[in-house]
Amino acid sequence: VISKIEDFTIENTQIDIKGWITAKE
């Protein structure tokens, strides 16, 4: 998940990682 984040900002990492956790329930 982290390797696919292109613009490694605080906002982007939060959105992608939290989104992934939520999706995995």
PDBML (XML) file of the C-alpha atoms, coordinates in Angstrom:
<?xml version="1.0" encoding="UTF-8" ?>
<PDBx:datablock datablockName="MODEL"
   xmlns:PDBx="http://pdbml.pdb.org/schema/pdbx-v50.xsd"
   xmlns:xsi="http://www.w3.org/2001/XMLSchema-instance"
   xsi:schemaLocation="http://pdbml.pdb.org/schema/pdbx-v50.xsd pdbx-v50.xsd">
   <PDBx:atom_siteCategory>
      <PDBx:atom_site id="1">
         <PDBx:B_iso_or_equiv>0.00</PDBx:B_iso_or_equiv>
         <PDBx:Cartn_x>0.000</PDBx:Cartn_x>
         <PDBx:Cartn_y>0.000</PDBx:Cartn_y>
         <PDBx:Cartn_z>0.000</PDBx:Cartn_z>
         <PDBx:auth_asym_id>A</PDBx:auth_asym_id>
         <PDBx:auth_atom_id>CA</PDBx:auth_atom_id>
         <PDBx:auth_comp_id>VAL</PDBx:auth_comp_id>
         <PDBx:auth_seq_id>1</PDBx:auth_seq_id>
         <PDBx:group_PDB>ATOM</PDBx:group_PDB>
         <PDBx:label_alt_id xsi:nil="true" />
         <PDBx:label_asym_id>A</PDBx:label_asym_id>
         <PDBx:label_atom_id>CA</PDBx:label_atom_id>
         <PDBx:label_comp_id>VAL</PDBx:label_comp_id>
         <PDBx:label_entity_id>1</PDBx:label_entity_id>
         <PDBx:label_seq_id>1</PDBx:label_seq_id>
         <PDBx:occupancy>1.00</PDBx:occupancy>
         <PDBx:pdbx_PDB_model_num>1</PDBx:pdbx_PDB_model_num>
         <PDBx:type_symbol>C</PDBx:type_symbol>
      </PDBx:atom_site>
      <PDBx:atom_site id="2">
         <PDBx:B_iso_or_equiv>0.00</PDBx:B_iso_or_equiv>
         <PDBx:Cartn_x>2.771</PDBx:Cartn_x>
         <PDBx:Cartn_y>2.419</PDBx:Cartn_y>
         <PDBx:Cartn_z>1.004</PDBx:Cartn_z>
         <PDBx:auth_asym_id>A</PDBx:auth_asym_id>
         <PDBx:auth_atom_id>CA</PDBx:auth_atom_id>
         <PDBx:auth_comp_id>ILE</PDBx:auth_comp_id>
         <PDBx:auth_seq_id>2</PDBx:auth_seq_id>
         <PDBx:group_PDB>ATOM</PDBx:group_PDB>
         <PDBx:label_alt_id xsi:nil="true" />
         <PDBx:label_asym_id>A</PDBx:label_asym_id>
         <PDBx:label_atom_id>CA</PDBx:label_atom_id>
         <PDBx:label_comp_id>ILE</PDBx:label_comp_id>
         <PDBx:label_entity_id>1</PDBx:label_entity_id>
         <PDBx:label_seq_id>2</PDBx:label_seq_id>
         <PDBx:occupancy>1.00</PDBx:occupancy>
         <PDBx:pdbx_PDB_model_num>1</PDBx:pdbx_PDB_model_num>
         <PDBx:type_symbol>C</PDBx:type_symbol>
      </PDBx:atom_site>
      <PDBx:atom_site id="3">
         <PDBx:B_iso_or_equiv>0.00</PDBx:B_iso_or_equiv>
         <PDBx:Cartn_x>4.854</PDBx:Cartn_x>
         <PDBx:Cartn_y>1.695</PDBx:Cartn_y>
         <PDBx:Cartn_z>-2.114</PDBx:Cartn_z>
         <PDBx:auth_asym_id>A</PDBx:auth_asym_id>
         <PDBx:auth_atom_id>CA</PDBx:auth_atom_id>
         <PDBx:auth_comp_id>SER</PDBx:auth_comp_id>
         <PDBx:auth_seq_id>3</PDBx:auth_seq_id>
         <PDBx:group_PDB>ATOM</PDBx:group_PDB>
         <PDBx:label_alt_id xsi:nil="true" />
         <PDBx:label_asym_id>A</PDBx:label_asym_id>
         <PDBx:label_atom_id>CA</PDBx:label_atom_id>
         <PDBx:label_comp_id>SER</PDBx:label_comp_id>
         <PDBx:label_entity_id>1</PDBx:label_entity_id>
         <PDBx:label_seq_id>3</PDBx:label_seq_id>
         <PDBx:occupancy>1.00</PDBx:occupancy>
         <PDBx:pdbx_PDB_model_num>1</PDBx:pdbx_PDB_model_num>
         <PDBx:type_symbol>C</PDBx:type_symbol>
      </PDBx:atom_site>
      <PDBx:atom_site id="4">
         <PDBx:B_iso_or_equiv>0.00</PDBx:B_iso_or_equiv>
         <PDBx:Cartn_x>1.929</PDBx:Cartn_x>
         <PDBx:Cartn_y>2.797</PDBx:Cartn_y>
         <PDBx:Cartn_z>-4.321</PDBx:Cartn_z>
         <PDBx:auth_asym_id>A</PDBx:auth_asym_id>
         <PDBx:auth_atom_id>CA</PDBx:auth_atom_id>
         <PDBx:auth_comp_id>LYS</PDBx:auth_comp_id>
         <PDBx:auth_seq_id>4</PDBx:auth_seq_id>
         <PDBx:group_PDB>ATOM</PDBx:group_PDB>
         <PDBx:label_alt_id xsi:nil="true" />
         <PDBx:label_asym_id>A</PDBx:label_asym_id>
         <PDBx:label_atom_id>CA</PDBx:label_atom_id>
         <PDBx:label_comp_id>LYS</PDBx:label_comp_id>
         <PDBx:label_entity_id>1</PDBx:label_entity_id>
         <PDBx:label_seq_id>4</PDBx:label_seq_id>
         <PDBx:occupancy>1.00</PDBx:occupancy>
         <PDBx:pdbx_PDB_model_num>1</PDBx:pdbx_PDB_model_num>
         <PDBx:type_symbol>C</PDBx:type_symbol>
      </PDBx:atom_site>
      <PDBx:atom_site id="5">
         <PDBx:B_iso_or_equiv>0.00</PDBx:B_iso_or_equiv>
         <PDBx:Cartn_x>1.632</PDBx:Cartn_x>
         <PDBx:Cartn_y>6.249</PDBx:Cartn_y>
         <PDBx:Cartn_z>-2.673</PDBx:Cartn_z>
         <PDBx:auth_asym_id>A</PDBx:auth_asym_id>
         <PDBx:auth_atom_id>CA</PDBx:auth_atom_id>
         <PDBx:auth_comp_id>ILE</PDBx:auth_comp_id>
         <PDBx:auth_seq_id>5</PDBx:auth_seq_id>
         <PDBx:group_PDB>ATOM</PDBx:group_PDB>
         <PDBx:label_alt_id xsi:nil="true" />
         <PDBx:label_asym_id>A</PDBx:label_asym_id>
         <PDBx:label_atom_id>CA</PDBx:label_atom_id>
         <PDBx:label_comp_id>ILE</PDBx:label_comp_id>
         <PDBx:label_entity_id>1</PDBx:label_entity_id>
         <PDBx:label_seq_id>5</PDBx:label_seq_id>
         <PDBx:occupancy>1.00</PDBx:occupancy>
         <PDBx:pdbx_PDB_model_num>1</PDBx:pdbx_PDB_model_num>
         <PDBx:type_symbol>C</PDBx:type_symbol>
      </PDBx:atom_site>
      <PDBx:atom_site id="6">
         <PDBx:B_iso_or_equiv>0.00</PDBx:B_iso_or_equiv>
         <PDBx:Cartn_x>3.225</PDBx:Cartn_x>
         <PDBx:Cartn_y>8.543</PDBx:Cartn_y>
         <PDBx:Cartn_z>-5.247</PDBx:Cartn_z>
         <PDBx:auth_asym_id>A</PDBx:auth_asym_id>
         <PDBx:auth_atom_id>CA</PDBx:auth_atom_id>
         <PDBx:auth_comp_id>GLU</PDBx:auth_comp_id>
         <PDBx:auth_seq_id>6</PDBx:auth_seq_id>
         <PDBx:group_PDB>ATOM</PDBx:group_PDB>
         <PDBx:label_alt_id xsi:nil="true" />
         <PDBx:label_asym_id>A</PDBx:label_asym_id>
         <PDBx:label_atom_id>CA</PDBx:label_atom_id>
         <PDBx:label_comp_id>GLU</PDBx:label_comp_id>
         <PDBx:label_entity_id>1</PDBx:label_entity_id>
         <PDBx:label_seq_id>6</PDBx:label_seq_id>
         <PDBx:occupancy>1.00</PDBx:occupancy>
         <PDBx:pdbx_PDB_model_num>1</PDBx:pdbx_PDB_model_num>
         <PDBx:type_symbol>C</PDBx:type_symbol>
      </PDBx:atom_site>
      <PDBx:atom_site id="7">
         <PDBx:B_iso_or_equiv>0.00</PDBx:B_iso_or_equiv>
         <PDBx:Cartn_x>3.126</PDBx:Cartn_x>
         <PDBx:Cartn_y>11.899</PDBx:Cartn_y>
         <PDBx:Cartn_z>-3.455</PDBx:Cartn_z>
         <PDBx:auth_asym_id>A</PDBx:auth_asym_id>
         <PDBx:auth_atom_id>CA</PDBx:auth_atom_id>
         <PDBx:auth_comp_id>ASP</PDBx:auth_comp_id>
         <PDBx:auth_seq_id>7</PDBx:auth_seq_id>
         <PDBx:group_PDB>ATOM</PDBx:group_PDB>
         <PDBx:label_alt_id xsi:nil="true" />
         <PDBx:label_asym_id>A</PDBx:label_asym_id>
         <PDBx:label_atom_id>CA</PDBx:label_atom_id>
         <PDBx:label_comp_id>ASP</PDBx:label_comp_id>
         <PDBx:label_entity_id>1</PDBx:label_entity_id>
         <PDBx:label_seq_id>7</PDBx:label_seq_id>
         <PDBx:occupancy>1.00</PDBx:occupancy>
         <PDBx:pdbx_PDB_model_num>1</PDBx:pdbx_PDB_model_num>
         <PDBx:type_symbol>C</PDBx:type_symbol>
      </PDBx:atom_site>
      <PDBx:atom_site id="8">
         <PDBx:B_iso_or_equiv>0.00</PDBx:B_iso_or_equiv>
         <PDBx:Cartn_x>4.312</PDBx:Cartn_x>
         <PDBx:Cartn_y>10.873</PDBx:Cartn_y>
         <PDBx:Cartn_z>0.013</PDBx:Cartn_z>
         <PDBx:auth_asym_id>A</PDBx:auth_asym_id>
         <PDBx:auth_atom_id>CA</PDBx:auth_atom_id>
         <PDBx:auth_comp_id>PHE</PDBx:auth_comp_id>
         <PDBx:auth_seq_id>8</PDBx:auth_seq_id>
         <PDBx:group_PDB>ATOM</PDBx:group_PDB>
         <PDBx:label_alt_id xsi:nil="true" />
         <PDBx:label_asym_id>A</PDBx:label_asym_id>
         <PDBx:label_atom_id>CA</PDBx:label_atom_id>
         <PDBx:label_comp_id>PHE</PDBx:label_comp_id>
         <PDBx:label_entity_id>1</PDBx:label_entity_id>
         <PDBx:label_seq_id>8</PDBx:label_seq_id>
         <PDBx:occupancy>1.00</PDBx:occupancy>
         <PDBx:pdbx_PDB_model_num>1</PDBx:pdbx_PDB_model_num>
         <PDBx:type_symbol>C</PDBx:type_symbol>
      </PDBx:atom_site>
      <PDBx:atom_site id="9">
         <PDBx:B_iso_or_equiv>0.00</PDBx:B_iso_or_equiv>
         <PDBx:Cartn_x>2.673</PDBx:Cartn_x>
         <PDBx:Cartn_y>13.648</PDBx:Cartn_y>
         <PDBx:Cartn_z>2.066</PDBx:Cartn_z>
         <PDBx:auth_asym_id>A</PDBx:auth_asym_id>
         <PDBx:auth_atom_id>CA</PDBx:auth_atom_id>
         <PDBx:auth_comp_id>THR</PDBx:auth_comp_id>
         <PDBx:auth_seq_id>9</PDBx:auth_seq_id>
         <PDBx:group_PDB>ATOM</PDBx:group_PDB>
         <PDBx:label_alt_id xsi:nil="true" />
         <PDBx:label_asym_id>A</PDBx:label_asym_id>
         <PDBx:label_atom_id>CA</PDBx:label_atom_id>
         <PDBx:label_comp_id>THR</PDBx:label_comp_id>
         <PDBx:label_entity_id>1</PDBx:label_entity_id>
         <PDBx:label_seq_id>9</PDBx:label_seq_id>
         <PDBx:occupancy>1.00</PDBx:occupancy>
         <PDBx:pdbx_PDB_model_num>1</PDBx:pdbx_PDB_model_num>
         <PDBx:type_symbol>C</PDBx:type_symbol>
      </PDBx:atom_site>
      <PDBx:atom_site id="10">
         <PDBx:B_iso_or_equiv>0.00</PDBx:B_iso_or_equiv>
         <PDBx:Cartn_x>1.016</PDBx:Cartn_x>
         <PDBx:Cartn_y>13.391</PDBx:Cartn_y>
         <PDBx:Cartn_z>5.484</PDBx:Cartn_z>
         <PDBx:auth_asym_id>A</PDBx:auth_asym_id>
         <PDBx:auth_atom_id>CA</PDBx:auth_atom_id>
         <PDBx:auth_comp_id>ILE</PDBx:auth_comp_id>
         <PDBx:auth_seq_id>10</PDBx:auth_seq_id>
         <PDBx:group_PDB>ATOM</PDBx:group_PDB>
         <PDBx:label_alt_id xsi:nil="true" />
         <PDBx:label_asym_id>A</PDBx:label_asym_id>
         <PDBx:label_atom_id>CA</PDBx:label_atom_id>
         <PDBx:label_comp_id>ILE</PDBx:label_comp_id>
         <PDBx:label_entity_id>1</PDBx:label_entity_id>
         <PDBx:label_seq_id>10</PDBx:label_seq_id>
         <PDBx:occupancy>1.00</PDBx:occupancy>
         <PDBx:pdbx_PDB_model_num>1</PDBx:pdbx_PDB_model_num>
         <PDBx:type_symbol>C</PDBx:type_symbol>
      </PDBx:atom_site>
      <PDBx:atom_site id="11">
         <PDBx:B_iso_or_equiv>0.00</PDBx:B_iso_or_equiv>
         <PDBx:Cartn_x>-2.424</PDBx:Cartn_x>
         <PDBx:Cartn_y>13.848</PDBx:Cartn_y>
         <PDBx:Cartn_z>3.917</PDBx:Cartn_z>
         <PDBx:auth_asym_id>A</PDBx:auth_asym_id>
         <PDBx:auth_atom_id>CA</PDBx:auth_atom_id>
         <PDBx:auth_comp_id>GLU</PDBx:auth_comp_id>
         <PDBx:auth_seq_id>11</PDBx:auth_seq_id>
         <PDBx:group_PDB>ATOM</PDBx:group_PDB>
         <PDBx:label_alt_id xsi:nil="true" />
         <PDBx:label_asym_id>A</PDBx:label_asym_id>
         <PDBx:label_atom_id>CA</PDBx:label_atom_id>
         <PDBx:label_comp_id>GLU</PDBx:label_comp_id>
         <PDBx:label_entity_id>1</PDBx:label_entity_id>
         <PDBx:label_seq_id>11</PDBx:label_seq_id>
         <PDBx:occupancy>1.00</PDBx:occupancy>
         <PDBx:pdbx_PDB_model_num>1</PDBx:pdbx_PDB_model_num>
         <PDBx:type_symbol>C</PDBx:type_symbol>
      </PDBx:atom_site>
      <PDBx:atom_site id="12">
         <PDBx:B_iso_or_equiv>0.00</PDBx:B_iso_or_equiv>
         <PDBx:Cartn_x>-1.908</PDBx:Cartn_x>
         <PDBx:Cartn_y>11.197</PDBx:Cartn_y>
         <PDBx:Cartn_z>1.211</PDBx:Cartn_z>
         <PDBx:auth_asym_id>A</PDBx:auth_asym_id>
         <PDBx:auth_atom_id>CA</PDBx:auth_atom_id>
         <PDBx:auth_comp_id>ASN</PDBx:auth_comp_id>
         <PDBx:auth_seq_id>12</PDBx:auth_seq_id>
         <PDBx:group_PDB>ATOM</PDBx:group_PDB>
         <PDBx:label_alt_id xsi:nil="true" />
         <PDBx:label_asym_id>A</PDBx:label_asym_id>
         <PDBx:label_atom_id>CA</PDBx:label_atom_id>
         <PDBx:label_comp_id>ASN</PDBx:label_comp_id>
         <PDBx:label_entity_id>1</PDBx:label_entity_id>
         <PDBx:label_seq_id>12</PDBx:label_seq_id>
         <PDBx:occupancy>1.00</PDBx:occupancy>
         <PDBx:pdbx_PDB_model_num>1</PDBx:pdbx_PDB_model_num>
         <PDBx:type_symbol>C</PDBx:type_symbol>
      </PDBx:atom_site>
      <PDBx:atom_site id="13">
         <PDBx:B_iso_or_equiv>0.00</PDBx:B_iso_or_equiv>
         <PDBx:Cartn_x>-0.443</PDBx:Cartn_x>
         <PDBx:Cartn_y>8.598</PDBx:Cartn_y>
         <PDBx:Cartn_z>3.555</PDBx:Cartn_z>
         <PDBx:auth_asym_id>A</PDBx:auth_asym_id>
         <PDBx:auth_atom_id>CA</PDBx:auth_atom_id>
         <PDBx:auth_comp_id>THR</PDBx:auth_comp_id>
         <PDBx:auth_seq_id>13</PDBx:auth_seq_id>
         <PDBx:group_PDB>ATOM</PDBx:group_PDB>
         <PDBx:label_alt_id xsi:nil="true" />
         <PDBx:label_asym_id>A</PDBx:label_asym_id>
         <PDBx:label_atom_id>CA</PDBx:label_atom_id>
         <PDBx:label_comp_id>THR</PDBx:label_comp_id>
         <PDBx:label_entity_id>1</PDBx:label_entity_id>
         <PDBx:label_seq_id>13</PDBx:label_seq_id>
         <PDBx:occupancy>1.00</PDBx:occupancy>
         <PDBx:pdbx_PDB_model_num>1</PDBx:pdbx_PDB_model_num>
         <PDBx:type_symbol>C</PDBx:type_symbol>
      </PDBx:atom_site>
      <PDBx:atom_site id="14">
         <PDBx:B_iso_or_equiv>0.00</PDBx:B_iso_or_equiv>
         <PDBx:Cartn_x>-3.317</PDBx:Cartn_x>
         <PDBx:Cartn_y>9.092</PDBx:Cartn_y>
         <PDBx:Cartn_z>5.997</PDBx:Cartn_z>
         <PDBx:auth_asym_id>A</PDBx:auth_asym_id>
         <PDBx:auth_atom_id>CA</PDBx:auth_atom_id>
         <PDBx:auth_comp_id>GLN</PDBx:auth_comp_id>
         <PDBx:auth_seq_id>14</PDBx:auth_seq_id>
         <PDBx:group_PDB>ATOM</PDBx:group_PDB>
         <PDBx:label_alt_id xsi:nil="true" />
         <PDBx:label_asym_id>A</PDBx:label_asym_id>
         <PDBx:label_atom_id>CA</PDBx:label_atom_id>
         <PDBx:label_comp_id>GLN</PDBx:label_comp_id>
         <PDBx:label_entity_id>1</PDBx:label_entity_id>
         <PDBx:label_seq_id>14</PDBx:label_seq_id>
         <PDBx:occupancy>1.00</PDBx:occupancy>
         <PDBx:pdbx_PDB_model_num>1</PDBx:pdbx_PDB_model_num>
         <PDBx:type_symbol>C</PDBx:type_symbol>
      </PDBx:atom_site>
      <PDBx:atom_site id="15">
         <PDBx:B_iso_or_equiv>0.00</PDBx:B_iso_or_equiv>
         <PDBx:Cartn_x>-5.971</PDBx:Cartn_x>
         <PDBx:Cartn_y>8.733</PDBx:Cartn_y>
         <PDBx:Cartn_z>3.295</PDBx:Cartn_z>
         <PDBx:auth_asym_id>A</PDBx:auth_asym_id>
         <PDBx:auth_atom_id>CA</PDBx:auth_atom_id>
         <PDBx:auth_comp_id>ILE</PDBx:auth_comp_id>
         <PDBx:auth_seq_id>15</PDBx:auth_seq_id>
         <PDBx:group_PDB>ATOM</PDBx:group_PDB>
         <PDBx:label_alt_id xsi:nil="true" />
         <PDBx:label_asym_id>A</PDBx:label_asym_id>
         <PDBx:label_atom_id>CA</PDBx:label_atom_id>
         <PDBx:label_comp_id>ILE</PDBx:label_comp_id>
         <PDBx:label_entity_id>1</PDBx:label_entity_id>
         <PDBx:label_seq_id>15</PDBx:label_seq_id>
         <PDBx:occupancy>1.00</PDBx:occupancy>
         <PDBx:pdbx_PDB_model_num>1</PDBx:pdbx_PDB_model_num>
         <PDBx:type_symbol>C</PDBx:type_symbol>
      </PDBx:atom_site>
      <PDBx:atom_site id="16">
         <PDBx:B_iso_or_equiv>0.00</PDBx:B_iso_or_equiv>
         <PDBx:Cartn_x>-4.451</PDBx:Cartn_x>
         <PDBx:Cartn_y>5.645</PDBx:Cartn_y>
         <PDBx:Cartn_z>1.686</PDBx:Cartn_z>
         <PDBx:auth_asym_id>A</PDBx:auth_asym_id>
         <PDBx:auth_atom_id>CA</PDBx:auth_atom_id>
         <PDBx:auth_comp_id>ASP</PDBx:auth_comp_id>
         <PDBx:auth_seq_id>16</PDBx:auth_seq_id>
         <PDBx:group_PDB>ATOM</PDBx:group_PDB>
         <PDBx:label_alt_id xsi:nil="true" />
         <PDBx:label_asym_id>A</PDBx:label_asym_id>
         <PDBx:label_atom_id>CA</PDBx:label_atom_id>
         <PDBx:label_comp_id>ASP</PDBx:label_comp_id>
         <PDBx:label_entity_id>1</PDBx:label_entity_id>
         <PDBx:label_seq_id>16</PDBx:label_seq_id>
         <PDBx:occupancy>1.00</PDBx:occupancy>
         <PDBx:pdbx_PDB_model_num>1</PDBx:pdbx_PDB_model_num>
         <PDBx:type_symbol>C</PDBx:type_symbol>
      </PDBx:atom_site>
      <PDBx:atom_site id="17">
         <PDBx:B_iso_or_equiv>0.00</PDBx:B_iso_or_equiv>
         <PDBx:Cartn_x>-3.484</PDBx:Cartn_x>
         <PDBx:Cartn_y>3.742</PDBx:Cartn_y>
         <PDBx:Cartn_z>4.844</PDBx:Cartn_z>
         <PDBx:auth_asym_id>A</PDBx:auth_asym_id>
         <PDBx:auth_atom_id>CA</PDBx:auth_atom_id>
         <PDBx:auth_comp_id>ILE</PDBx:auth_comp_id>
         <PDBx:auth_seq_id>17</PDBx:auth_seq_id>
         <PDBx:group_PDB>ATOM</PDBx:group_PDB>
         <PDBx:label_alt_id xsi:nil="true" />
         <PDBx:label_asym_id>A</PDBx:label_asym_id>
         <PDBx:label_atom_id>CA</PDBx:label_atom_id>
         <PDBx:label_comp_id>ILE</PDBx:label_comp_id>
         <PDBx:label_entity_id>1</PDBx:label_entity_id>
         <PDBx:label_seq_id>17</PDBx:label_seq_id>
         <PDBx:occupancy>1.00</PDBx:occupancy>
         <PDBx:pdbx_PDB_model_num>1</PDBx:pdbx_PDB_model_num>
         <PDBx:type_symbol>C</PDBx:type_symbol>
      </PDBx:atom_site>
      <PDBx:atom_site id="18">
         <PDBx:B_iso_or_equiv>0.00</PDBx:B_iso_or_equiv>
         <PDBx:Cartn_x>-6.666</PDBx:Cartn_x>
         <PDBx:Cartn_y>4.518</PDBx:Cartn_y>
         <PDBx:Cartn_z>6.766</PDBx:Cartn_z>
         <PDBx:auth_asym_id>A</PDBx:auth_asym_id>
         <PDBx:auth_atom_id>CA</PDBx:auth_atom_id>
         <PDBx:auth_comp_id>LYS</PDBx:auth_comp_id>
         <PDBx:auth_seq_id>18</PDBx:auth_seq_id>
         <PDBx:group_PDB>ATOM</PDBx:group_PDB>
         <PDBx:label_alt_id xsi:nil="true" />
         <PDBx:label_asym_id>A</PDBx:label_asym_id>
         <PDBx:label_atom_id>CA</PDBx:label_atom_id>
         <PDBx:label_comp_id>LYS</PDBx:label_comp_id>
         <PDBx:label_entity_id>1</PDBx:label_entity_id>
         <PDBx:label_seq_id>18</PDBx:label_seq_id>
         <PDBx:occupancy>1.00</PDBx:occupancy>
         <PDBx:pdbx_PDB_model_num>1</PDBx:pdbx_PDB_model_num>
         <PDBx:type_symbol>C</PDBx:type_symbol>
      </PDBx:atom_site>
      <PDBx:atom_site id="19">
         <PDBx:B_iso_or_equiv>0.00</PDBx:B_iso_or_equiv>
         <PDBx:Cartn_x>-8.703</PDBx:Cartn_x>
         <PDBx:Cartn_y>3.722</PDBx:Cartn_y>
         <PDBx:Cartn_z>3.648</PDBx:Cartn_z>
         <PDBx:auth_asym_id>A</PDBx:auth_asym_id>
         <PDBx:auth_atom_id>CA</PDBx:auth_atom_id>
         <PDBx:auth_comp_id>GLY</PDBx:auth_comp_id>
         <PDBx:auth_seq_id>19</PDBx:auth_seq_id>
         <PDBx:group_PDB>ATOM</PDBx:group_PDB>
         <PDBx:label_alt_id xsi:nil="true" />
         <PDBx:label_asym_id>A</PDBx:label_asym_id>
         <PDBx:label_atom_id>CA</PDBx:label_atom_id>
         <PDBx:label_comp_id>GLY</PDBx:label_comp_id>
         <PDBx:label_entity_id>1</PDBx:label_entity_id>
         <PDBx:label_seq_id>19</PDBx:label_seq_id>
         <PDBx:occupancy>1.00</PDBx:occupancy>
         <PDBx:pdbx_PDB_model_num>1</PDBx:pdbx_PDB_model_num>
         <PDBx:type_symbol>C</PDBx:type_symbol>
      </PDBx:atom_site>
      <PDBx:atom_site id="20">
         <PDBx:B_iso_or_equiv>0.00</PDBx:B_iso_or_equiv>
         <PDBx:Cartn_x>-6.954</PDBx:Cartn_x>
         <PDBx:Cartn_y>0.360</PDBx:Cartn_y>
         <PDBx:Cartn_z>3.334</PDBx:Cartn_z>
         <PDBx:auth_asym_id>A</PDBx:auth_asym_id>
         <PDBx:auth_atom_id>CA</PDBx:auth_atom_id>
         <PDBx:auth_comp_id>TRP</PDBx:auth_comp_id>
         <PDBx:auth_seq_id>20</PDBx:auth_seq_id>
         <PDBx:group_PDB>ATOM</PDBx:group_PDB>
         <PDBx:label_alt_id xsi:nil="true" />
         <PDBx:label_asym_id>A</PDBx:label_asym_id>
         <PDBx:label_atom_id>CA</PDBx:label_atom_id>
         <PDBx:label_comp_id>TRP</PDBx:label_comp_id>
         <PDBx:label_entity_id>1</PDBx:label_entity_id>
         <PDBx:label_seq_id>20</PDBx:label_seq_id>
         <PDBx:occupancy>1.00</PDBx:occupancy>
         <PDBx:pdbx_PDB_model_num>1</PDBx:pdbx_PDB_model_num>
         <PDBx:type_symbol>C</PDBx:type_symbol>
      </PDBx:atom_site>
      <PDBx:atom_site id="21">
         <PDBx:B_iso_or_equiv>0.00</PDBx:B_iso_or_equiv>
         <PDBx:Cartn_x>-7.580</PDBx:Cartn_x>
         <PDBx:Cartn_y>-0.492</PDBx:Cartn_y>
         <PDBx:Cartn_z>7.021</PDBx:Cartn_z>
         <PDBx:auth_asym_id>A</PDBx:auth_asym_id>
         <PDBx:auth_atom_id>CA</PDBx:auth_atom_id>
         <PDBx:auth_comp_id>ILE</PDBx:auth_comp_id>
         <PDBx:auth_seq_id>21</PDBx:auth_seq_id>
         <PDBx:group_PDB>ATOM</PDBx:group_PDB>
         <PDBx:label_alt_id xsi:nil="true" />
         <PDBx:label_asym_id>A</PDBx:label_asym_id>
         <PDBx:label_atom_id>CA</PDBx:label_atom_id>
         <PDBx:label_comp_id>ILE</PDBx:label_comp_id>
         <PDBx:label_entity_id>1</PDBx:label_entity_id>
         <PDBx:label_seq_id>21</PDBx:label_seq_id>
         <PDBx:occupancy>1.00</PDBx:occupancy>
         <PDBx:pdbx_PDB_model_num>1</PDBx:pdbx_PDB_model_num>
         <PDBx:type_symbol>C</PDBx:type_symbol>
      </PDBx:atom_site>
      <PDBx:atom_site id="22">
         <PDBx:B_iso_or_equiv>0.00</PDBx:B_iso_or_equiv>
         <PDBx:Cartn_x>-11.257</PDBx:Cartn_x>
         <PDBx:Cartn_y>0.459</PDBx:Cartn_y>
         <PDBx:Cartn_z>6.712</PDBx:Cartn_z>
         <PDBx:auth_asym_id>A</PDBx:auth_asym_id>
         <PDBx:auth_atom_id>CA</PDBx:auth_atom_id>
         <PDBx:auth_comp_id>THR</PDBx:auth_comp_id>
         <PDBx:auth_seq_id>22</PDBx:auth_seq_id>
         <PDBx:group_PDB>ATOM</PDBx:group_PDB>
         <PDBx:label_alt_id xsi:nil="true" />
         <PDBx:label_asym_id>A</PDBx:label_asym_id>
         <PDBx:label_atom_id>CA</PDBx:label_atom_id>
         <PDBx:label_comp_id>THR</PDBx:label_comp_id>
         <PDBx:label_entity_id>1</PDBx:label_entity_id>
         <PDBx:label_seq_id>22</PDBx:label_seq_id>
         <PDBx:occupancy>1.00</PDBx:occupancy>
         <PDBx:pdbx_PDB_model_num>1</PDBx:pdbx_PDB_model_num>
         <PDBx:type_symbol>C</PDBx:type_symbol>
      </PDBx:atom_site>
      <PDBx:atom_site id="23">
         <PDBx:B_iso_or_equiv>0.00</PDBx:B_iso_or_equiv>
         <PDBx:Cartn_x>-11.649</PDBx:Cartn_x>
         <PDBx:Cartn_y>-1.626</PDBx:Cartn_y>
         <PDBx:Cartn_z>3.542</PDBx:Cartn_z>
         <PDBx:auth_asym_id>A</PDBx:auth_asym_id>
         <PDBx:auth_atom_id>CA</PDBx:auth_atom_id>
         <PDBx:auth_comp_id>ALA</PDBx:auth_comp_id>
         <PDBx:auth_seq_id>23</PDBx:auth_seq_id>
         <PDBx:group_PDB>ATOM</PDBx:group_PDB>
         <PDBx:label_alt_id xsi:nil="true" />
         <PDBx:label_asym_id>A</PDBx:label_asym_id>
         <PDBx:label_atom_id>CA</PDBx:label_atom_id>
         <PDBx:label_comp_id>ALA</PDBx:label_comp_id>
         <PDBx:label_entity_id>1</PDBx:label_entity_id>
         <PDBx:label_seq_id>23</PDBx:label_seq_id>
         <PDBx:occupancy>1.00</PDBx:occupancy>
         <PDBx:pdbx_PDB_model_num>1</PDBx:pdbx_PDB_model_num>
         <PDBx:type_symbol>C</PDBx:type_symbol>
      </PDBx:atom_site>
      <PDBx:atom_site id="24">
         <PDBx:B_iso_or_equiv>0.00</PDBx:B_iso_or_equiv>
         <PDBx:Cartn_x>-10.151</PDBx:Cartn_x>
         <PDBx:Cartn_y>-4.662</PDBx:Cartn_y>
         <PDBx:Cartn_z>5.291</PDBx:Cartn_z>
         <PDBx:auth_asym_id>A</PDBx:auth_asym_id>
         <PDBx:auth_atom_id>CA</PDBx:auth_atom_id>
         <PDBx:auth_comp_id>LYS</PDBx:auth_comp_id>
         <PDBx:auth_seq_id>24</PDBx:auth_seq_id>
         <PDBx:group_PDB>ATOM</PDBx:group_PDB>
         <PDBx:label_alt_id xsi:nil="true" />
         <PDBx:label_asym_id>A</PDBx:label_asym_id>
         <PDBx:label_atom_id>CA</PDBx:label_atom_id>
         <PDBx:label_comp_id>LYS</PDBx:label_comp_id>
         <PDBx:label_entity_id>1</PDBx:label_entity_id>
         <PDBx:label_seq_id>24</PDBx:label_seq_id>
         <PDBx:occupancy>1.00</PDBx:occupancy>
         <PDBx:pdbx_PDB_model_num>1</PDBx:pdbx_PDB_model_num>
         <PDBx:type_symbol>C</PDBx:type_symbol>
      </PDBx:atom_site>
      <PDBx:atom_site id="25">
         <PDBx:B_iso_or_equiv>0.00</PDBx:B_iso_or_equiv>
         <PDBx:Cartn_x>-12.629</PDBx:Cartn_x>
         <PDBx:Cartn_y>-4.158</PDBx:Cartn_y>
         <PDBx:Cartn_z>8.141</PDBx:Cartn_z>
         <PDBx:auth_asym_id>A</PDBx:auth_asym_id>
         <PDBx:auth_atom_id>CA</PDBx:auth_atom_id>
         <PDBx:auth_comp_id>GLU</PDBx:auth_comp_id>
         <PDBx:auth_seq_id>25</PDBx:auth_seq_id>
         <PDBx:group_PDB>ATOM</PDBx:group_PDB>
         <PDBx:label_alt_id xsi:nil="true" />
         <PDBx:label_asym_id>A</PDBx:label_asym_id>
         <PDBx:label_atom_id>CA</PDBx:label_atom_id>
         <PDBx:label_comp_id>GLU</PDBx:label_comp_id>
         <PDBx:label_entity_id>1</PDBx:label_entity_id>
         <PDBx:label_seq_id>25</PDBx:label_seq_id>
         <PDBx:occupancy>1.00</PDBx:occupancy>
         <PDBx:pdbx_PDB_model_num>1</PDBx:pdbx_PDB_model_num>
         <PDBx:type_symbol>C</PDBx:type_symbol>
      </PDBx:atom_site>
   </PDBx:atom_siteCategory>
</PDBx:datablock>
